[in-house]
C-alpha atoms as a PDB file:
ATOM      1  CA  MET A   1       0.033  -0.005  -0.133  1.00  0.00           C
ATOM      2  CA  LYS A   2       1.640   3.254  -1.305  1.00  0.00           C
ATOM      3  CA  ASN A   3      -1.305   5.721  -0.536  1.00  0.00           C
ATOM      4  CA  VAL A   4      -4.678   5.905   1.284  1.00  0.00           C
ATOM      5  CA  THR A   5      -7.554   8.242   1.377  1.00  0.00           C
ATOM      6  CA  VAL A   6      -9.001   8.965   4.667  1.00  0.00           C
ATOM      7  CA  SER A   7     -11.606  11.102   6.747  1.00  0.00           C
ATOM      8  CA  GLY A   8     -11.827  12.559   9.844  1.00  0.00           C
ATOM      9  CA  LYS A   9     -13.448  15.255  11.920  1.00  0.00           C
ATOM     10  CA  THR A  10     -10.555  17.402  11.458  1.00  0.00           C
ATOM     11  CA  ILE A  11      -7.551  17.319   8.982  1.00  0.00           C
ATOM     12  CA  GLU A  12      -5.387  16.360  11.913  1.00  0.00           C
ATOM     13  CA  GLU A  13      -7.668  13.387  12.784  1.00  0.00           C
ATOM     14  CA  ALA A  14      -7.683  12.354   9.306  1.00  0.00           C
ATOM     15  CA  VAL A  15      -3.974  12.401   9.006  1.00  0.00           C
ATOM     16  CA  ASP A  16      -3.452  10.421  12.102  1.00  0.00           C
ATOM     17  CA  ALA A  17      -6.037   7.783  10.880  1.00  0.00           C
ATOM     18  CA  GLY A  18      -3.891   7.477   7.519  1.00  0.00           C
ATOM     19  CA  LEU A  19      -0.561   7.182   9.306  1.00  0.00           C
ATOM     20  CA  ASP A  20      -2.129   4.311  11.388  1.00  0.00           C
ATOM     21  CA  LYS A  21      -3.047   2.692   8.222  1.00  0.00           C
ATOM     22  CA  LEU A  22       0.165   2.857   6.577  1.00  0.00           C
ATOM     23  CA  GLU A  23       1.759   2.043   9.651  1.00  0.00           C
ATOM     24  CA  VAL A  24       4.480   5.063   9.236  1.00  0.00           C
ATOM     25  CA  GLU A  25       5.543   8.407  10.823  1.00  0.00           C
ATOM     26  CA  LYS A  26       4.316  11.691   9.601  1.00  0.00           C
ATOM     27  CA  GLU A  27       7.745  12.548   8.023  1.00  0.00           C
ATOM     28  CA  ASN A  28       7.592   9.514   5.576  1.00  0.00           C
ATOM     29  CA  VAL A  29       4.574  10.572   3.782  1.00  0.00           C
ATOM     30  CA  ASN A  30       3.221  13.416   1.697  1.00  0.00           C
ATOM     31  CA  ILE A  31      -0.119  14.853   2.624  1.00  0.00           C
ATOM     32  CA  LYS A  32      -2.736  16.349   0.122  1.00  0.00           C
ATOM     33  CA  VAL A  33      -6.076  17.909   1.716  1.00  0.00           C
ATOM     34  CA  ILE A  34      -8.740  16.745  -0.843  1.00  0.00           C
ATOM     35  CA  GLU A  35     -11.735  18.484   1.326  1.00  0.00           C
ATOM     36  CA  GLU A  36     -11.672  20.843   4.100  1.00  0.00           C
ATOM     37  CA  PRO A  37     -13.836  20.009   7.019  1.00  0.00           C
ATOM     38  CA  GLN A  38     -17.415  21.874   7.089  1.00  0.00           C
ATOM     39  CA  LYS A  39     -19.956  22.482   9.716  1.00  0.00           C
ATOM     40  CA  GLY A  40     -23.375  21.939   8.630  1.00  0.00           C
ATOM     41  CA  PHE A  41     -26.531  24.155   9.893  1.00  0.00           C
ATOM     42  CA  LEU A  42     -26.405  24.744  13.414  1.00  0.00           C
ATOM     43  CA  GLY A  43     -23.322  22.695  13.699  1.00  0.00           C
ATOM     44  CA  LEU A  44     -25.008  19.527  13.394  1.00  0.00           C
ATOM     45  CA  ILE A  45     -27.044  18.931  10.064  1.00  0.00           C
ATOM     46  CA  GLY A  46     -24.909  18.329   7.023  1.00  0.00           C
ATOM     47  CA  ASN A  47     -21.488  18.211   8.546  1.00  0.00           C
ATOM     48  CA  ARG A  48     -18.859  17.169   6.196  1.00  0.00           C
ATOM     49  CA  PRO A  49     -15.538  15.481   7.446  1.00  0.00           C
ATOM     50  CA  ALA A  50     -11.926  16.481   6.193  1.00  0.00           C
ATOM     51  CA  ILE A  51     -10.841  14.011   3.501  1.00  0.00           C
ATOM     52  CA  VAL A  52      -7.035  13.674   2.893  1.00  0.00           C
ATOM     53  CA  GLU A  53      -4.610  11.653   0.766  1.00  0.00           C
ATOM     54  CA  LEU A  54      -1.435  10.252   2.362  1.00  0.00           C
ATOM     55  CA  THR A  55       1.340   8.965  -0.167  1.00  0.00           C
ATOM     56  CA  LEU A  56       4.513   7.224   1.004  1.00  0.00           C
ATOM     57  CA  LYS A  57       7.597   9.106   0.167  1.00  0.00           C
ATOM     58  CA  PRO A  58      10.225   7.034  -1.708  1.00  0.00           C
ATOM     59  CA  ASP A  59      12.744   5.270   0.404  1.00  0.00           C
ATOM     60  CA  PRO A  60      16.059   6.851  -0.591  1.00  0.00           C
ATOM     61  CA  CYS A  61      18.280   3.893  -0.155  1.00  0.00           C
ATOM     62  CA  GLN A  62      15.809   1.594  -1.909  1.00  0.00           C
ATOM     63  CA  GLU A  63      15.578   4.017  -4.923  1.00  0.00           C
ATOM     64  CA  ALA A  64      19.309   3.890  -5.134  1.00  0.00           C
ATOM     65  CA  LEU A  65      19.475   0.109  -4.904  1.00  0.00           C
ATOM     66  CA  ASN A  66      16.751  -0.136  -7.699  1.00  0.00           C
ATOM     67  CA  PHE A  67      18.965   2.327  -9.885  1.00  0.00           C
ATOM     68  CA  LEU A  68      22.142   0.331  -9.352  1.00  0.00           C
ATOM     69  CA  ARG A  69      20.390  -3.024 -10.263  1.00  0.00           C
ATOM     70  CA  ASP A  70      18.857  -1.575 -13.402  1.00  0.00           C
ATOM     71  CA  THR A  71      22.236  -0.005 -14.540  1.00  0.00           C
ATOM     72  CA  ILE A  72      24.203  -3.131 -13.720  1.00  0.00           C
ATOM     73  CA  ASP A  73      21.613  -5.101 -15.809  1.00  0.00           C
ATOM     74  CA  LYS A  74      21.912  -2.815 -18.727  1.00  0.00           C
ATOM     75  CA  MET A  75      25.780  -3.425 -18.679  1.00  0.00           C
ATOM     76  CA  GLY A  76      24.949  -7.065 -19.225  1.00  0.00           C
ATOM     77  CA  VAL A  77      26.563  -8.484 -15.831  1.00  0.00           C
ATOM     78  CA  GLU A  78      24.937 -10.627 -13.491  1.00  0.00           C
ATOM     79  CA  VAL A  79      25.478  -9.856  -9.905  1.00  0.00           C
ATOM     80  CA  SER A  80      23.907 -10.180  -6.279  1.00  0.00           C
ATOM     81  CA  ILE A  81      23.613  -6.974  -4.302  1.00  0.00           C
ATOM     82  CA  GLU A  82      23.337  -6.931  -0.483  1.00  0.00           C
ATOM     83  CA  LYS A  83      22.531  -3.852   1.517  1.00  0.00           C
ATOM     84  CA  GLU A  84      24.456  -3.185   4.814  1.00  0.00           C
ATOM     85  CA  GLU A  85      23.882  -0.575   7.236  1.00  0.00           C
ATOM     86  CA  VAL A  86      27.045   0.930   8.785  1.00  0.00           C
ATOM     87  CA  LYS A  87      27.892   3.743  11.125  1.00  0.00           C
ATOM     88  CA  ASP A  88      28.153   6.634   8.598  1.00  0.00           C
ATOM     89  CA  GLY A  89      25.612   5.301   5.813  1.00  0.00           C
ATOM     90  CA  PHE A  90      25.131   2.167   3.789  1.00  0.00           C
ATOM     91  CA  VAL A  91      27.406  -0.200   1.975  1.00  0.00           C
ATOM     92  CA  PHE A  92      25.940  -2.119  -1.184  1.00  0.00           C
ATOM     93  CA  GLN A  93      27.977  -5.338  -1.363  1.00  0.00           C
ATOM     94  CA  ILE A  94      28.182  -6.604  -4.905  1.00  0.00           C
ATOM     95  CA  THR A  95      29.248 -10.213  -5.918  1.00  0.00           C
ATOM     96  CA  GLY A  96      29.179 -11.897  -9.270  1.00  0.00           C
ATOM     97  CA  GLU A  97      31.345 -13.817 -11.854  1.00  0.00           C
ATOM     98  CA  GLN A  98      32.520 -10.508 -14.023  1.00  0.00           C
ATOM     99  CA  ILE A  99      33.063  -8.264 -11.006  1.00  0.00           C
ATOM    100  CA  GLY A 100      36.258  -6.813 -12.736  1.00  0.00           C
ATOM    101  CA  ILE A 101      33.806  -5.095 -15.463  1.00  0.00           C
ATOM    102  CA  LEU A 102      32.170  -3.149 -12.361  1.00  0.00           C
ATOM    103  CA  ILE A 103      35.382  -2.317 -10.765  1.00  0.00           C
ATOM    104  CA  GLY A 104      37.343  -1.028 -13.906  1.00  0.00           C
ATOM    105  CA  LYS A 105      40.891   0.329 -13.940  1.00  0.00           C
ATOM    106  CA  ARG A 106      41.938   1.242 -10.442  1.00  0.00           C
ATOM    107  CA  GLY A 107      38.102   1.335  -9.389  1.00  0.00           C
ATOM    108  CA  GLN A 108      37.054   4.003 -11.606  1.00  0.00           C
ATOM    109  CA  THR A 109      34.015   2.486 -12.861  1.00  0.00           C
ATOM    110  CA  LEU A 110      33.111   1.445  -9.238  1.00  0.00           C
ATOM    111  CA  ASP A 111      33.599   4.969  -8.223  1.00  0.00           C
ATOM    112  CA  SER A 112      31.548   6.443 -11.130  1.00  0.00           C
ATOM    113  CA  LEU A 113      28.502   3.997 -10.033  1.00  0.00           C
ATOM    114  CA  GLN A 114      28.981   5.055  -6.366  1.00  0.00           C
ATOM    115  CA  TYR A 115      28.806   8.653  -7.475  1.00  0.00           C
ATOM    116  CA  LEU A 116      25.538   8.329  -9.334  1.00  0.00           C
ATOM    117  CA  VAL A 117      23.977   6.044  -6.642  1.00  0.00           C
ATOM    118  CA  ASN A 118      24.582   8.667  -4.215  1.00  0.00           C
ATOM    119  CA  LEU A 119      23.030  11.279  -6.425  1.00  0.00           C
ATOM    120  CA  VAL A 120      19.795   9.149  -6.853  1.00  0.00           C
ATOM    121  CA  ALA A 121      19.614   8.495  -3.163  1.00  0.00           C
ATOM    122  CA  ASN A 122      19.978  12.114  -2.103  1.00  0.00           C
ATOM    123  CA  ARG A 123      17.315  13.342  -4.461  1.00  0.00           C
ATOM    124  CA  TYR A 124      14.883  11.652  -2.306  1.00  0.00           C
ATOM    125  CA  ALA A 125      16.623  12.121   1.289  1.00  0.00           C
ATOM    126  CA  ASN A 126      15.586  14.762   3.771  1.00  0.00           C
ATOM    127  CA  GLU A 127      19.169  14.558   5.232  1.00  0.00           C
ATOM    128  CA  TYR A 128      22.521  13.569   3.326  1.00  0.00           C
ATOM    129  CA  ILE A 129      22.894   9.787   2.875  1.00  0.00           C
ATOM    130  CA  ARG A 130      26.208   8.360   2.160  1.00  0.00           C
ATOM    131  CA  ILE A 131      26.340   4.987   0.226  1.00  0.00           C
ATOM    132  CA  THR A 132      29.427   3.288  -0.458  1.00  0.00           C
ATOM    133  CA  LEU A 133      29.962   0.491  -3.239  1.00  0.00           C
ATOM    134  CA  ASP A 134      31.985  -2.426  -2.667  1.00  0.00           C
ATOM    135  CA  ALA A 135      32.834  -5.326  -5.122  1.00  0.00           C
ATOM    136  CA  GLU A 136      33.987  -8.581  -3.232  1.00  0.00           C
ATOM    137  CA  GLY A 137      36.270  -6.824  -0.901  1.00  0.00           C
ATOM    138  CA  TYR A 138      37.858  -4.599  -3.524  1.00  0.00           C
ATOM    139  CA  ARG A 139      37.765  -1.263  -1.250  1.00  0.00           C
ATOM    140  CA  GLU A 140      39.853  -3.148   1.601  1.00  0.00           C
ATOM    141  CA  ARG A 141      42.230  -4.472  -0.922  1.00  0.00           C
ATOM    142  CA  ARG A 142      42.760  -1.256  -2.585  1.00  0.00           C
ATOM    143  CA  LYS A 143      43.090   0.405   0.761  1.00  0.00           C
ATOM    144  CA  GLN A 144      46.001  -1.994   1.710  1.00  0.00           C
ATOM    145  CA  ALA A 145      47.635  -1.295  -1.503  1.00  0.00           C
ATOM    146  CA  LEU A 146      47.422   2.420  -0.898  1.00  0.00           C
ATOM    147  CA  GLU A 147      49.043   2.018   2.430  1.00  0.00           C
ATOM    148  CA  GLN A 148      51.766   0.069   1.131  1.00  0.00           C
ATOM    149  CA  LEU A 149      52.523   2.572  -1.748  1.00  0.00           C
ATOM    150  CA  ALA A 150      52.526   5.391   1.000  1.00  0.00           C
ATOM    151  CA  GLU A 151      55.192   3.613   2.754  1.00  0.00           C
ATOM    152  CA  ARG A 152      57.342   3.147   0.024  1.00  0.00           C
ATOM    153  CA  ILE A 153      56.705   6.669  -1.231  1.00  0.00           C
ATOM    154  CA  ARG A 154      57.766   7.907   2.390  1.00  0.00           C
ATOM    155  CA  ASN A 155      61.035   5.991   2.262  1.00  0.00           C
ATOM    156  CA  LYS A 156      61.714   7.319  -1.016  1.00  0.00           C
ATOM    157  CA  VAL A 157      61.143  10.865   0.053  1.00  0.00           C
ATOM    158  CA  LEU A 158      63.187  10.607   3.058  1.00  0.00           C
ATOM    159  CA  ARG A 159      66.126   8.770   0.955  1.00  0.00           C
ATOM    160  CA  MET A 160      66.205  11.169  -1.729  1.00  0.00           C
ATOM    161  CA  LYS A 161      65.242  14.267   0.329  1.00  0.00           C
ATOM    162  CA  LYS A 162      62.841  15.861  -2.198  1.00  0.00           C
ATOM    163  CA  GLU A 163      59.097  15.803  -3.168  1.00  0.00           C
ATOM    164  CA  VAL A 164      57.539  12.907  -5.109  1.00  0.00           C
ATOM    165  CA  ARG A 165      54.275  13.581  -7.095  1.00  0.00           C
ATOM    166  CA  LEU A 166      51.764  10.373  -7.286  1.00  0.00           C
ATOM    167  CA  GLU A 167      49.310   9.690 -10.133  1.00  0.00           C
ATOM    168  CA  PRO A 168      46.020  11.044  -9.914  1.00  0.00           C
ATOM    169  CA  MET A 169      43.672   9.602  -7.522  1.00  0.00           C
ATOM    170  CA  SER A 170      40.107  10.075  -6.364  1.00  0.00           C
ATOM    171  CA  ALA A 171      39.487  11.893  -3.172  1.00  0.00           C
ATOM    172  CA  GLN A 172      38.786   8.745  -1.260  1.00  0.00           C
ATOM    173  CA  GLU A 173      41.929   7.205  -2.268  1.00  0.00           C
ATOM    174  CA  ARG A 174      44.084  10.526  -1.413  1.00  0.00           C
ATOM    175  CA  LYS A 175      42.496  10.549   1.958  1.00  0.00           C
ATOM    176  CA  VAL A 176      44.130   6.977   2.603  1.00  0.00           C
ATOM    177  CA  ILE A 177      47.464   8.372   1.430  1.00  0.00           C
ATOM    178  CA  HIS A 178      47.244  11.335   3.742  1.00  0.00           C
ATOM    179  CA  THR A 179      45.978   9.490   6.726  1.00  0.00           C
ATOM    180  CA  THR A 180      48.704   6.952   6.199  1.00  0.00           C
ATOM    181  CA  LEU A 181      51.750   9.528   6.159  1.00  0.00           C
ATOM    182  CA  GLN A 182      50.434  11.745   8.656  1.00  0.00           C
ATOM    183  CA  LYS A 183      50.958   9.012  11.523  1.00  0.00           C
ATOM    184  CA  ASP A 184      54.724   9.569  11.919  1.00  0.00           C
ATOM    185  CA  GLY A 185      54.885  13.126  10.812  1.00  0.00           C
ATOM    186  CA  ASP A 186      58.341  12.929   9.029  1.00  0.00           C
ATOM    187  CA  VAL A 187      57.043  13.940   5.519  1.00  0.00           C
ATOM    188  CA  LYS A 188      54.170  16.377   4.548  1.00  0.00           C
ATOM    189  CA  THR A 189      51.490  15.845   1.959  1.00  0.00           C
ATOM    190  CA  PHE A 190      49.238  18.054   0.055  1.00  0.00           C
ATOM    191  CA  SER A 191      47.143  17.925  -3.102  1.00  0.00           C
ATOM    192  CA  SER A 192      47.849  19.436  -6.305  1.00  0.00           C
ATOM    193  CA  GLY A 193      45.993  20.123  -9.552  1.00  0.00           C
ATOM    194  CA  GLU A 194      42.255  19.947 -10.531  1.00  0.00           C
ATOM    195  CA  GLU A 195      39.885  16.929 -10.637  1.00  0.00           C
ATOM    196  CA  PRO A 196      39.975  14.471 -12.340  1.00  0.00           C
ATOM    197  CA  ASN A 197      43.673  14.773 -12.453  1.00  0.00           C
ATOM    198  CA  ARG A 198      44.083  16.068  -8.885  1.00  0.00           C
ATOM    199  CA  ARG A 199      47.105  14.249  -7.164  1.00  0.00           C
ATOM    200  CA  ILE A 200      49.240  14.007  -3.808  1.00  0.00           C
ATOM    201  CA  VAL A 201      52.505  15.507  -3.542  1.00  0.00           C
ATOM    202  CA  VAL A 202      54.572  14.155  -0.632  1.00  0.00           C
ATOM    203  CA  ALA A 203      57.646  16.257   0.636  1.00  0.00           C
ATOM    204  CA  PRO A 204      60.271  16.096   3.219  1.00  0.00           C
ATOM    205  CA  LYS A 205      59.534  18.279   6.234  1.00  0.00           C
END
């Protein structure tokens, strides 16, 4: 049931009745007043109740999930997607035979899908929702690879005593490099350039 039309002596009473039928909170519905309540002759004869229509608002996360499934279907890839709620939002875990197609070079396809999924979700959300896409543990593997890269670059900078510029990365990947190299504080990092060619520079202190 996505919408109901209900009546009551007042608009508030009609809305409450509709919320009970839909079993949701008021912030989850759009309310349309079809007819205002009217009092009849002497307040008794010909009284007319309020009539309202309550329509469920789309669920942002479900809309994003539907969009992702439809997009992947059009790419001709068969996958399973599981939704997981985490501390700072949701993770859509994708598994399947041809998962490499969805990841792309250095995760670029996965990042592009993630960007679009977040656009769809936040079109319907009252507050910002963060959705992360992961494909069979790719995010953790990439994070570990970036941490190892950061350590190698740290050693190179300390040995050569001059700055090193890395290849362009997404904001999410640059954050991993920054965080890893800020732990010991023996080198400094900053970002240079414009998206999508923004990159990290590691320099001696």
